[in-house]
PDB file of all heavy atoms in Angstrom:
ATOM      1  N   ASP A   1      -1.824  -8.634 -10.848  1.00  0.00           N
ATOM      2  CA  ASP A   1      -3.120  -7.991 -10.691  1.00  0.00           C
ATOM      3  C   ASP A   1      -3.941  -8.832  -9.717  1.00  0.00           C
ATOM      4  O   ASP A   1      -4.228 -10.003  -9.998  1.00  0.00           O
ATOM      5  CB  ASP A   1      -3.819  -7.911 -12.047  1.00  0.00           C
ATOM      6  CG  ASP A   1      -5.162  -7.218 -11.982  1.00  0.00           C
ATOM      7  OD1 ASP A   1      -5.731  -7.061 -10.874  1.00  0.00           O
ATOM      8  OD2 ASP A   1      -5.672  -6.837 -13.050  1.00  0.00           O
ATOM      9  N   PRO A   2      -4.318  -8.271  -8.564  1.00  0.00           N
ATOM     10  CA  PRO A   2      -5.073  -9.061  -7.587  1.00  0.00           C
ATOM     11  C   PRO A   2      -6.351  -9.674  -8.156  1.00  0.00           C
ATOM     12  O   PRO A   2      -6.743 -10.765  -7.767  1.00  0.00           O
ATOM     13  CB  PRO A   2      -5.396  -8.060  -6.479  1.00  0.00           C
ATOM     14  CG  PRO A   2      -4.418  -6.963  -6.643  1.00  0.00           C
ATOM     15  CD  PRO A   2      -4.056  -6.917  -8.096  1.00  0.00           C
ATOM     16  N   GLU A   3      -6.972  -9.001  -9.111  1.00  0.00           N
ATOM     17  CA  GLU A   3      -8.225  -9.500  -9.685  1.00  0.00           C
ATOM     18  C   GLU A   3      -7.999 -10.714 -10.578  1.00  0.00           C
ATOM     19  O   GLU A   3      -8.938 -11.441 -10.876  1.00  0.00           O
ATOM     20  CB  GLU A   3      -8.930  -8.394 -10.466  1.00  0.00           C
ATOM     21  CG  GLU A   3      -9.410  -7.276  -9.563  1.00  0.00           C
ATOM     22  CD  GLU A   3     -10.181  -6.208 -10.321  1.00  0.00           C
ATOM     23  OE1 GLU A   3     -10.915  -6.555 -11.264  1.00  0.00           O
ATOM     24  OE2 GLU A   3     -10.046  -5.038  -9.950  1.00  0.00           O
ATOM     25  N   GLU A   4      -6.764 -10.939 -10.999  1.00  0.00           N
ATOM     26  CA  GLU A   4      -6.463 -12.063 -11.887  1.00  0.00           C
ATOM     27  C   GLU A   4      -5.607 -13.130 -11.210  1.00  0.00           C
ATOM     28  O   GLU A   4      -5.131 -14.045 -11.869  1.00  0.00           O
ATOM     29  CB  GLU A   4      -5.762 -11.549 -13.141  1.00  0.00           C
ATOM     30  CG  GLU A   4      -6.635 -10.633 -13.959  1.00  0.00           C
ATOM     31  CD  GLU A   4      -5.927 -10.057 -15.165  1.00  0.00           C
ATOM     32  OE1 GLU A   4      -4.813 -10.519 -15.490  1.00  0.00           O
ATOM     33  OE2 GLU A   4      -6.492  -9.151 -15.788  1.00  0.00           O
ATOM     34  N   MET A   5      -5.421 -13.009  -9.906  1.00  0.00           N
ATOM     35  CA  MET A   5      -4.555 -13.945  -9.202  1.00  0.00           C
ATOM     36  C   MET A   5      -5.155 -15.340  -9.169  1.00  0.00           C
ATOM     37  O   MET A   5      -6.354 -15.516  -8.976  1.00  0.00           O
ATOM     38  CB  MET A   5      -4.288 -13.471  -7.773  1.00  0.00           C
ATOM     39  CG  MET A   5      -3.202 -14.290  -7.118  1.00  0.00           C
ATOM     40  SD  MET A   5      -2.630 -13.555  -5.605  1.00  0.00           S
ATOM     41  CE  MET A   5      -2.210 -11.931  -6.143  1.00  0.00           C
ATOM     42  N   LEU A   6      -4.278 -16.318  -9.359  1.00  0.00           N
ATOM     43  CA  LEU A   6      -4.701 -17.715  -9.307  1.00  0.00           C
ATOM     44  C   LEU A   6      -5.048 -18.092  -7.877  1.00  0.00           C
ATOM     45  O   LEU A   6      -4.329 -17.727  -6.942  1.00  0.00           O
ATOM     46  CB  LEU A   6      -3.571 -18.604  -9.813  1.00  0.00           C
ATOM     47  CG  LEU A   6      -3.115 -18.333 -11.241  1.00  0.00           C
ATOM     48  CD1 LEU A   6      -1.867 -19.140 -11.545  1.00  0.00           C
ATOM     49  CD2 LEU A   6      -4.229 -18.667 -12.209  1.00  0.00           C
ATOM     50  N   PRO A   7      -6.130 -18.835  -7.685  1.00  0.00           N
ATOM     51  CA  PRO A   7      -6.478 -19.251  -6.319  1.00  0.00           C
ATOM     52  C   PRO A   7      -5.513 -20.329  -5.820  1.00  0.00           C
ATOM     53  O   PRO A   7      -5.000 -21.135  -6.600  1.00  0.00           O
ATOM     54  CB  PRO A   7      -7.893 -19.804  -6.472  1.00  0.00           C
ATOM     55  CG  PRO A   7      -7.987 -20.208  -7.904  1.00  0.00           C
ATOM     56  CD  PRO A   7      -7.091 -19.291  -8.673  1.00  0.00           C
ATOM     57  N   VAL A   8      -5.267 -20.315  -4.531  1.00  0.00           N
ATOM     58  CA  VAL A   8      -4.478 -21.353  -3.875  1.00  0.00           C
ATOM     59  C   VAL A   8      -5.315 -21.908  -2.723  1.00  0.00           C
ATOM     60  O   VAL A   8      -6.507 -21.653  -2.642  1.00  0.00           O
ATOM     61  CB  VAL A   8      -3.093 -20.822  -3.411  1.00  0.00           C
ATOM     62  CG1 VAL A   8      -2.223 -20.494  -4.617  1.00  0.00           C
ATOM     63  CG2 VAL A   8      -3.209 -19.625  -2.506  1.00  0.00           C
ATOM     64  N   ASP A   9      -4.689 -22.644  -1.843  1.00  0.00           N
ATOM     65  CA  ASP A   9      -5.421 -23.373  -0.807  1.00  0.00           C
ATOM     66  C   ASP A   9      -6.006 -22.509   0.303  1.00  0.00           C
ATOM     67  O   ASP A   9      -6.758 -23.008   1.138  1.00  0.00           O
ATOM     68  CB  ASP A   9      -4.517 -24.443  -0.195  1.00  0.00           C
ATOM     69  CG  ASP A   9      -3.273 -23.867   0.453  1.00  0.00           C
ATOM     70  OD1 ASP A   9      -2.697 -22.903  -0.096  1.00  0.00           O
ATOM     71  OD2 ASP A   9      -2.860 -24.395   1.498  1.00  0.00           O
ATOM     72  N   ARG A  10      -5.665 -21.243   0.339  1.00  0.00           N
ATOM     73  CA  ARG A  10      -6.195 -20.338   1.364  1.00  0.00           C
ATOM     74  C   ARG A  10      -6.057 -18.900   0.863  1.00  0.00           C
ATOM     75  O   ARG A  10      -5.355 -18.647  -0.105  1.00  0.00           O
ATOM     76  CB  ARG A  10      -5.458 -20.527   2.674  1.00  0.00           C
ATOM     77  CG  ARG A  10      -3.987 -20.167   2.568  1.00  0.00           C
ATOM     78  CD  ARG A  10      -3.247 -20.412   3.834  1.00  0.00           C
ATOM     79  NE  ARG A  10      -2.689 -21.743   3.843  1.00  0.00           N
ATOM     80  CZ  ARG A  10      -1.670 -22.083   4.584  1.00  0.00           C
ATOM     81  NH1 ARG A  10      -1.118 -21.219   5.400  1.00  0.00           N
ATOM     82  NH2 ARG A  10      -1.184 -23.298   4.546  1.00  0.00           N
ATOM     83  N   PRO A  11      -6.697 -17.933   1.514  1.00  0.00           N
ATOM     84  CA  PRO A  11      -6.565 -16.549   1.065  1.00  0.00           C
ATOM     85  C   PRO A  11      -5.123 -16.060   1.151  1.00  0.00           C
ATOM     86  O   PRO A  11      -4.353 -16.465   2.023  1.00  0.00           O
ATOM     87  CB  PRO A  11      -7.460 -15.769   2.030  1.00  0.00           C
ATOM     88  CG  PRO A  11      -8.397 -16.773   2.600  1.00  0.00           C
ATOM     89  CD  PRO A  11      -7.638 -18.073   2.627  1.00  0.00           C
ATOM     90  N   VAL A  12      -4.781 -15.172   0.229  1.00  0.00           N
ATOM     91  CA  VAL A  12      -3.461 -14.548   0.167  1.00  0.00           C
ATOM     92  C   VAL A  12      -3.622 -13.078   0.505  1.00  0.00           C
ATOM     93  O   VAL A  12      -4.479 -12.391  -0.054  1.00  0.00           O
ATOM     94  CB  VAL A  12      -2.851 -14.696  -1.244  1.00  0.00           C
ATOM     95  CG1 VAL A  12      -1.580 -13.870  -1.378  1.00  0.00           C
ATOM     96  CG2 VAL A  12      -2.592 -16.153  -1.561  1.00  0.00           C
ATOM     97  N   ILE A  13      -2.800 -12.599   1.422  1.00  0.00           N
ATOM     98  CA  ILE A  13      -2.729 -11.166   1.724  1.00  0.00           C
ATOM     99  C   ILE A  13      -1.470 -10.656   1.034  1.00  0.00           C
ATOM    100  O   ILE A  13      -0.386 -11.188   1.242  1.00  0.00           O
ATOM    101  CB  ILE A  13      -2.679 -10.914   3.241  1.00  0.00           C
ATOM    102  CG1 ILE A  13      -3.930 -11.492   3.902  1.00  0.00           C
ATOM    103  CG2 ILE A  13      -2.537  -9.413   3.528  1.00  0.00           C
ATOM    104  CD1 ILE A  13      -3.880 -11.505   5.421  1.00  0.00           C
ATOM    105  N   MET A  14      -1.629  -9.645   0.207  1.00  0.00           N
ATOM    106  CA  MET A  14      -0.516  -9.153  -0.598  1.00  0.00           C
ATOM    107  C   MET A  14      -0.446  -7.636  -0.597  1.00  0.00           C
ATOM    108  O   MET A  14      -1.395  -6.947  -0.234  1.00  0.00           O
ATOM    109  CB  MET A  14      -0.644  -9.641  -2.040  1.00  0.00           C
ATOM    110  CG  MET A  14      -1.819  -9.026  -2.791  1.00  0.00           C
ATOM    111  SD  MET A  14      -1.853  -9.363  -4.562  1.00  0.00           S
ATOM    112  CE  MET A  14      -0.546  -8.308  -5.175  1.00  0.00           C
ATOM    113  N   GLY A  15       0.688  -7.143  -1.025  1.00  0.00           N
ATOM    114  CA  GLY A  15       0.918  -5.721  -1.248  1.00  0.00           C
ATOM    115  C   GLY A  15       1.512  -5.561  -2.631  1.00  0.00           C
ATOM    116  O   GLY A  15       1.096  -6.216  -3.574  1.00  0.00           O
ATOM    117  N   HIS A  16       2.518  -4.705  -2.741  1.00  0.00           N
ATOM    118  CA  HIS A  16       3.365  -4.528  -3.925  1.00  0.00           C
ATOM    119  C   HIS A  16       2.691  -3.845  -5.102  1.00  0.00           C
ATOM    120  O   HIS A  16       3.351  -3.159  -5.852  1.00  0.00           O
ATOM    121  CB  HIS A  16       3.977  -5.859  -4.351  1.00  0.00           C
ATOM    122  CG  HIS A  16       5.018  -5.727  -5.419  1.00  0.00           C
ATOM    123  ND1 HIS A  16       6.155  -4.974  -5.245  1.00  0.00           N
ATOM    124  CD2 HIS A  16       5.096  -6.237  -6.662  1.00  0.00           C
ATOM    125  CE1 HIS A  16       6.892  -5.033  -6.340  1.00  0.00           C
ATOM    126  NE2 HIS A  16       6.271  -5.790  -7.215  1.00  0.00           N
ATOM    127  N   VAL A  17       1.402  -4.027  -5.300  1.00  0.00           N
ATOM    128  CA  VAL A  17       0.702  -3.403  -6.419  1.00  0.00           C
ATOM    129  C   VAL A  17      -0.221  -2.335  -5.840  1.00  0.00           C
ATOM    130  O   VAL A  17      -1.263  -2.651  -5.269  1.00  0.00           O
ATOM    131  CB  VAL A  17      -0.112  -4.445  -7.223  1.00  0.00           C
ATOM    132  CG1 VAL A  17      -0.900  -3.775  -8.334  1.00  0.00           C
ATOM    133  CG2 VAL A  17       0.806  -5.525  -7.773  1.00  0.00           C
ATOM    134  N   PRO A  18       0.176  -1.058  -5.942  1.00  0.00           N
ATOM    135  CA  PRO A  18      -0.649   0.001  -5.338  1.00  0.00           C
ATOM    136  C   PRO A  18      -2.012   0.125  -6.023  1.00  0.00           C
ATOM    137  O   PRO A  18      -2.108   0.174  -7.240  1.00  0.00           O
ATOM    138  CB  PRO A  18       0.164   1.283  -5.548  1.00  0.00           C
ATOM    139  CG  PRO A  18       1.512   0.854  -6.004  1.00  0.00           C
ATOM    140  CD  PRO A  18       1.385  -0.528  -6.554  1.00  0.00           C
ATOM    141  N   LEU A  19      -3.039   0.167  -5.202  1.00  0.00           N
ATOM    142  CA  LEU A  19      -4.415   0.339  -5.660  1.00  0.00           C
ATOM    143  C   LEU A  19      -5.001   1.571  -4.972  1.00  0.00           C
ATOM    144  O   LEU A  19      -4.516   1.978  -3.913  1.00  0.00           O
ATOM    145  CB  LEU A  19      -5.249  -0.890  -5.301  1.00  0.00           C
ATOM    146  CG  LEU A  19      -4.726  -2.243  -5.789  1.00  0.00           C
ATOM    147  CD1 LEU A  19      -5.517  -3.377  -5.144  1.00  0.00           C
ATOM    148  CD2 LEU A  19      -4.793  -2.321  -7.299  1.00  0.00           C
ATOM    149  N   GLU A  20      -6.047   2.126  -5.531  1.00  0.00           N
ATOM    150  CA  GLU A  20      -6.678   3.283  -4.888  1.00  0.00           C
ATOM    151  C   GLU A  20      -7.401   2.898  -3.609  1.00  0.00           C
ATOM    152  O   GLU A  20      -7.540   3.710  -2.703  1.00  0.00           O
ATOM    153  CB  GLU A  20      -7.631   3.972  -5.858  1.00  0.00           C
ATOM    154  CG  GLU A  20      -6.885   4.683  -6.965  1.00  0.00           C
ATOM    155  CD  GLU A  20      -7.707   5.752  -7.628  1.00  0.00           C
ATOM    156  OE1 GLU A  20      -8.691   6.234  -7.027  1.00  0.00           O
ATOM    157  OE2 GLU A  20      -7.348   6.116  -8.746  1.00  0.00           O
ATOM    158  N   ALA A  21      -7.867   1.658  -3.538  1.00  0.00           N
ATOM    159  CA  ALA A  21      -8.582   1.164  -2.355  1.00  0.00           C
ATOM    160  C   ALA A  21      -8.181  -0.289  -2.146  1.00  0.00           C
ATOM    161  O   ALA A  21      -7.810  -0.971  -3.103  1.00  0.00           O
ATOM    162  CB  ALA A  21     -10.095   1.267  -2.570  1.00  0.00           C
ATOM    163  N   PRO A  22      -8.251  -0.786  -0.917  1.00  0.00           N
ATOM    164  CA  PRO A  22      -7.938  -2.203  -0.707  1.00  0.00           C
ATOM    165  C   PRO A  22      -8.914  -3.071  -1.490  1.00  0.00           C
ATOM    166  O   PRO A  22     -10.034  -2.666  -1.782  1.00  0.00           O
ATOM    167  CB  PRO A  22      -8.088  -2.385   0.798  1.00  0.00           C
ATOM    168  CG  PRO A  22      -8.865  -1.224   1.279  1.00  0.00           C
ATOM    169  CD  PRO A  22      -8.666  -0.109   0.309  1.00  0.00           C
ATOM    170  N   TYR A  23      -8.458  -4.264  -1.812  1.00  0.00           N
ATOM    171  CA  TYR A  23      -9.247  -5.163  -2.652  1.00  0.00           C
ATOM    172  C   TYR A  23      -9.444  -6.497  -1.947  1.00  0.00           C
ATOM    173  O   TYR A  23      -8.510  -7.036  -1.358  1.00  0.00           O
ATOM    174  CB  TYR A  23      -8.526  -5.381  -3.988  1.00  0.00           C
ATOM    175  CG  TYR A  23      -9.147  -6.445  -4.849  1.00  0.00           C
ATOM    176  CD1 TYR A  23     -10.250  -6.163  -5.643  1.00  0.00           C
ATOM    177  CD2 TYR A  23      -8.637  -7.735  -4.857  1.00  0.00           C
ATOM    178  CE1 TYR A  23     -10.830  -7.147  -6.433  1.00  0.00           C
ATOM    179  CE2 TYR A  23      -9.216  -8.723  -5.637  1.00  0.00           C
ATOM    180  CZ  TYR A  23     -10.302  -8.425  -6.425  1.00  0.00           C
ATOM    181  OH  TYR A  23     -10.879  -9.392  -7.198  1.00  0.00           O
ATOM    182  N   ARG A  24     -10.662  -7.037  -2.047  1.00  0.00           N
ATOM    183  CA  ARG A  24     -10.967  -8.378  -1.555  1.00  0.00           C
ATOM    184  C   ARG A  24     -11.754  -9.089  -2.637  1.00  0.00           C
ATOM    185  O   ARG A  24     -12.768  -8.602  -3.110  1.00  0.00           O
ATOM    186  CB  ARG A  24     -11.815  -8.336  -0.288  1.00  0.00           C
ATOM    187  CG  ARG A  24     -12.228  -9.745   0.174  1.00  0.00           C
ATOM    188  CD  ARG A  24     -13.256  -9.770   1.297  1.00  0.00           C
ATOM    189  NE  ARG A  24     -12.727  -9.222   2.533  1.00  0.00           N
ATOM    190  CZ  ARG A  24     -13.130  -8.062   3.081  1.00  0.00           C
ATOM    191  NH1 ARG A  24     -14.075  -7.355   2.509  1.00  0.00           N
ATOM    192  NH2 ARG A  24     -12.599  -7.633   4.199  1.00  0.00           N
ATOM    193  N   GLY A  25     -11.262 -10.262  -3.027  1.00  0.00           N
ATOM    194  CA  GLY A  25     -11.984 -11.062  -4.014  1.00  0.00           C
ATOM    195  C   GLY A  25     -11.114 -12.193  -4.523  1.00  0.00           C
ATOM    196  O   GLY A  25      -9.890 -12.095  -4.523  1.00  0.00           O
ATOM    197  N   GLY A  26     -11.750 -13.269  -4.940  1.00  0.00           N
ATOM    198  CA  GLY A  26     -11.028 -14.374  -5.542  1.00  0.00           C
ATOM    199  C   GLY A  26      -9.937 -14.973  -4.671  1.00  0.00           C
ATOM    200  O   GLY A  26      -8.926 -15.430  -5.180  1.00  0.00           O
ATOM    201  N   GLY A  27     -10.107 -14.918  -3.360  1.00  0.00           N
ATOM    202  CA  GLY A  27      -9.102 -15.504  -2.474  1.00  0.00           C
ATOM    203  C   GLY A  27      -7.907 -14.619  -2.224  1.00  0.00           C
ATOM    204  O   GLY A  27      -6.850 -15.092  -1.798  1.00  0.00           O
ATOM    205  N   VAL A  28      -8.029 -13.328  -2.477  1.00  0.00           N
ATOM    206  CA  VAL A  28      -6.913 -12.414  -2.241  1.00  0.00           C
ATOM    207  C   VAL A  28      -7.394 -11.171  -1.517  1.00  0.00           C
ATOM    208  O   VAL A  28      -8.509 -10.702  -1.727  1.00  0.00           O
ATOM    209  CB  VAL A  28      -6.197 -12.041  -3.571  1.00  0.00           C
ATOM    210  CG1 VAL A  28      -7.019 -11.097  -4.404  1.00  0.00           C
ATOM    211  CG2 VAL A  28      -4.836 -11.458  -3.329  1.00  0.00           C
ATOM    212  N   LEU A  29      -6.540 -10.674  -0.619  1.00  0.00           N
ATOM    213  CA  LEU A  29      -6.749  -9.382   0.039  1.00  0.00           C
ATOM    214  C   LEU A  29      -5.529  -8.542  -0.319  1.00  0.00           C
ATOM    215  O   LEU A  29      -4.404  -8.869   0.088  1.00  0.00           O
ATOM    216  CB  LEU A  29      -6.854  -9.557   1.555  1.00  0.00           C
ATOM    217  CG  LEU A  29      -8.033 -10.398   2.002  1.00  0.00           C
ATOM    218  CD1 LEU A  29      -7.533 -11.591   2.793  1.00  0.00           C
ATOM    219  CD2 LEU A  29      -8.962  -9.576   2.822  1.00  0.00           C
ATOM    220  N   ALA A  30      -5.728  -7.501  -1.099  1.00  0.00           N
ATOM    221  CA  ALA A  30      -4.638  -6.637  -1.544  1.00  0.00           C
ATOM    222  C   ALA A  30      -4.693  -5.353  -0.727  1.00  0.00           C
ATOM    223  O   ALA A  30      -5.701  -4.646  -0.744  1.00  0.00           O
ATOM    224  CB  ALA A  30      -4.758  -6.352  -3.036  1.00  0.00           C
ATOM    225  N   ILE A  31      -3.611  -5.057   0.005  1.00  0.00           N
ATOM    226  CA  ILE A  31      -3.652  -3.946   0.960  1.00  0.00           C
ATOM    227  C   ILE A  31      -2.683  -2.812   0.642  1.00  0.00           C
ATOM    228  O   ILE A  31      -2.562  -1.890   1.436  1.00  0.00           O
ATOM    229  CB  ILE A  31      -3.434  -4.447   2.404  1.00  0.00           C
ATOM    230  CG1 ILE A  31      -2.077  -5.107   2.570  1.00  0.00           C
ATOM    231  CG2 ILE A  31      -4.561  -5.394   2.807  1.00  0.00           C
ATOM    232  CD1 ILE A  31      -1.727  -5.433   4.020  1.00  0.00           C
TER     233      ILE A  31
END
């Protein structure tokens, strides 16, 4: 879940989990 992803040293751009809209928050961009 992008909203629960652990932070790392830089932002993470990810896919794999379909969302209704792209997500940005907590150091993750889910596309």
